[in-house]
Amino acid sequence: MSRYKKSLVIQNNENKRQLSTTLIPFIPTDASDVYIITTTDDRLDLLANKFYGDATKWWIIASANNLGKGTLLVPANTRLRIPLNTRTIQDQIELFNGSR
């Protein structure tokens, strides 16, 4: 499930290729969600690899927990929600970005 799957490739004013922005959906809570308390070594990409088998899905955890941009590191003792129902998330991405 790539959030870039339907992104358009565009060229900027300097004639460089770039991807257009993809909207990330709101991820509602679900009965299948898992909650964890982070340790000093936790990073969003490593958690995504552990729970989804794909480190590129780190953005799902970031979005579900309203984590900002800038780093994949998560402070120790942070309570994180890990959404496990990724099919619903994929459906929302296609709905939001499908008409682009």
C-alpha atoms as a PDB file:
ATOM      1  CA  MET A   1       0.000   0.000   0.000  1.00  0.00           C
ATOM      2  CA  SER A   2       1.963   2.967  -1.239  1.00  0.00           C
ATOM      3  CA  ARG A   3       0.591   6.405  -0.512  1.00  0.00           C
ATOM      4  CA  TYR A   4       2.419   7.550  -3.676  1.00  0.00           C
ATOM      5  CA  LYS A   5       0.732   5.031  -5.974  1.00  0.00           C
ATOM      6  CA  LYS A   6      -1.602   7.600  -7.559  1.00  0.00           C
ATOM      7  CA  SER A   7       0.664  10.623  -7.212  1.00  0.00           C
ATOM      8  CA  LEU A   8       1.230  12.615 -10.345  1.00  0.00           C
ATOM      9  CA  VAL A   9       4.747  13.293 -11.579  1.00  0.00           C
ATOM     10  CA  ILE A  10       5.100  16.987 -12.347  1.00  0.00           C
ATOM     11  CA  GLN A  11       7.961  19.316 -13.252  1.00  0.00           C
ATOM     12  CA  ASN A  12       8.752  22.429 -11.250  1.00  0.00           C
ATOM     13  CA  ASN A  13      10.009  25.768 -12.575  1.00  0.00           C
ATOM     14  CA  GLU A  14      13.588  24.436 -12.675  1.00  0.00           C
ATOM     15  CA  ASN A  15      12.471  21.552 -14.920  1.00  0.00           C
ATOM     16  CA  LYS A  16      13.025  19.003 -12.133  1.00  0.00           C
ATOM     17  CA  ARG A  17      10.616  16.128 -11.677  1.00  0.00           C
ATOM     18  CA  GLN A  18       8.727  15.798  -8.413  1.00  0.00           C
ATOM     19  CA  LEU A  19       5.678  14.010  -7.064  1.00  0.00           C
ATOM     20  CA  SER A  20       2.512  15.908  -6.310  1.00  0.00           C
ATOM     21  CA  THR A  21       1.261  15.949  -2.731  1.00  0.00           C
ATOM     22  CA  THR A  22      -0.849  13.009  -1.635  1.00  0.00           C
ATOM     23  CA  LEU A  23      -3.587  13.521   0.910  1.00  0.00           C
ATOM     24  CA  ILE A  24      -3.302  11.362   4.004  1.00  0.00           C
ATOM     25  CA  PRO A  25      -6.668  10.330   5.428  1.00  0.00           C
ATOM     26  CA  PHE A  26      -7.819  10.601   9.014  1.00  0.00           C
ATOM     27  CA  ILE A  27      -7.300   7.195  10.618  1.00  0.00           C
ATOM     28  CA  PRO A  28     -10.163   6.451  13.017  1.00  0.00           C
ATOM     29  CA  THR A  29      -9.714   4.179  16.014  1.00  0.00           C
ATOM     30  CA  ASP A  30     -10.654   0.555  15.515  1.00  0.00           C
ATOM     31  CA  ALA A  31     -11.117  -2.422  17.829  1.00  0.00           C
ATOM     32  CA  SER A  32      -8.100  -4.076  16.185  1.00  0.00           C
ATOM     33  CA  ASP A  33      -5.727  -1.207  17.087  1.00  0.00           C
ATOM     34  CA  VAL A  34      -2.736  -2.065  19.262  1.00  0.00           C
ATOM     35  CA  TYR A  35      -1.321   0.364  21.831  1.00  0.00           C
ATOM     36  CA  ILE A  36       2.333   0.325  22.819  1.00  0.00           C
ATOM     37  CA  ILE A  37       4.665   2.326  25.040  1.00  0.00           C
ATOM     38  CA  THR A  38       7.850   3.194  23.176  1.00  0.00           C
ATOM     39  CA  THR A  39      11.388   2.541  24.365  1.00  0.00           C
ATOM     40  CA  THR A  40      14.528   4.553  23.674  1.00  0.00           C
ATOM     41  CA  ASP A  41      15.271   2.714  20.406  1.00  0.00           C
ATOM     42  CA  ASP A  42      11.853   3.008  18.762  1.00  0.00           C
ATOM     43  CA  ARG A  43      11.483   4.615  15.350  1.00  0.00           C
ATOM     44  CA  LEU A  44       8.397   4.857  13.184  1.00  0.00           C
ATOM     45  CA  ASP A  45       9.968   2.942  10.296  1.00  0.00           C
ATOM     46  CA  LEU A  46      11.093   0.093  12.561  1.00  0.00           C
ATOM     47  CA  LEU A  47       7.651  -0.116  14.167  1.00  0.00           C
ATOM     48  CA  ALA A  48       6.013  -0.175  10.732  1.00  0.00           C
ATOM     49  CA  ASN A  49       8.314  -2.994   9.686  1.00  0.00           C
ATOM     50  CA  LYS A  50       7.479  -4.920  12.863  1.00  0.00           C
ATOM     51  CA  PHE A  51       3.689  -4.529  12.615  1.00  0.00           C
ATOM     52  CA  TYR A  52       3.140  -4.312   8.835  1.00  0.00           C
ATOM     53  CA  GLY A  53       6.225  -6.010   7.408  1.00  0.00           C
ATOM     54  CA  ASP A  54       6.959  -2.818   5.451  1.00  0.00           C
ATOM     55  CA  ALA A  55       9.038   0.078   6.803  1.00  0.00           C
ATOM     56  CA  THR A  56       7.586   2.464   4.184  1.00  0.00           C
ATOM     57  CA  LYS A  57       4.241   2.395   6.015  1.00  0.00           C
ATOM     58  CA  TRP A  58       5.669   4.469   8.892  1.00  0.00           C
ATOM     59  CA  TRP A  59       3.346   7.307   7.888  1.00  0.00           C
ATOM     60  CA  ILE A  60       0.299   5.271   9.012  1.00  0.00           C
ATOM     61  CA  ILE A  61       1.575   5.247  12.590  1.00  0.00           C
ATOM     62  CA  ALA A  62       2.610   8.905  12.350  1.00  0.00           C
ATOM     63  CA  SER A  63      -0.797   9.953  11.039  1.00  0.00           C
ATOM     64  CA  ALA A  64      -2.719   7.897  13.600  1.00  0.00           C
ATOM     65  CA  ASN A  65      -0.781   9.566  16.411  1.00  0.00           C
ATOM     66  CA  ASN A  66      -0.639  13.121  15.012  1.00  0.00           C
ATOM     67  CA  LEU A  67       3.142  13.064  14.894  1.00  0.00           C
ATOM     68  CA  GLY A  68       4.760  15.916  13.017  1.00  0.00           C
ATOM     69  CA  LYS A  69       7.366  16.016  10.337  1.00  0.00           C
ATOM     70  CA  GLY A  70      11.088  15.975  10.790  1.00  0.00           C
ATOM     71  CA  THR A  71      12.092  12.698  12.399  1.00  0.00           C
ATOM     72  CA  LEU A  72      11.235   9.029  12.574  1.00  0.00           C
ATOM     73  CA  LEU A  73      12.415   8.870  16.187  1.00  0.00           C
ATOM     74  CA  VAL A  74       9.756   8.569  18.877  1.00  0.00           C
ATOM     75  CA  PRO A  75      10.551   9.741  22.424  1.00  0.00           C
ATOM     76  CA  ALA A  76      10.747   6.981  25.035  1.00  0.00           C
ATOM     77  CA  ASN A  77       7.588   6.315  27.070  1.00  0.00           C
ATOM     78  CA  THR A  78       5.292   7.645  24.346  1.00  0.00           C
ATOM     79  CA  ARG A  79       1.968   5.827  24.029  1.00  0.00           C
ATOM     80  CA  LEU A  80       1.385   4.997  20.361  1.00  0.00           C
ATOM     81  CA  ARG A  81      -1.663   3.621  18.605  1.00  0.00           C
ATOM     82  CA  ILE A  82      -0.806   1.102  15.881  1.00  0.00           C
ATOM     83  CA  PRO A  83      -3.743   0.702  13.452  1.00  0.00           C
ATOM     84  CA  LEU A  84      -3.892  -2.871  12.211  1.00  0.00           C
ATOM     85  CA  ASN A  85      -6.860  -2.511   9.850  1.00  0.00           C
ATOM     86  CA  THR A  86      -4.773  -1.228   6.937  1.00  0.00           C
ATOM     87  CA  ARG A  87      -7.377  -2.243   4.328  1.00  0.00           C
ATOM     88  CA  THR A  88      -9.656   0.575   5.522  1.00  0.00           C
ATOM     89  CA  ILE A  89      -6.739   3.003   5.300  1.00  0.00           C
ATOM     90  CA  GLN A  90      -5.986   1.929   1.719  1.00  0.00           C
ATOM     91  CA  ASP A  91      -9.657   2.381   0.786  1.00  0.00           C
ATOM     92  CA  GLN A  92      -9.602   5.930   2.183  1.00  0.00           C
ATOM     93  CA  ILE A  93      -6.422   6.796   0.282  1.00  0.00           C
ATOM     94  CA  GLU A  94      -7.976   5.627  -2.969  1.00  0.00           C
ATOM     95  CA  LEU A  95     -11.163   7.566  -2.217  1.00  0.00           C
ATOM     96  CA  PHE A  96      -9.325  10.807  -1.372  1.00  0.00           C
ATOM     97  CA  ASN A  97      -6.692  10.630  -4.095  1.00  0.00           C
ATOM     98  CA  GLY A  98      -8.395   8.555  -6.771  1.00  0.00           C
ATOM     99  CA  SER A  99      -9.887  11.500  -8.630  1.00  0.00           C
ATOM    100  CA  ARG A 100      -6.575  13.339  -8.919  1.00  0.00           C
END
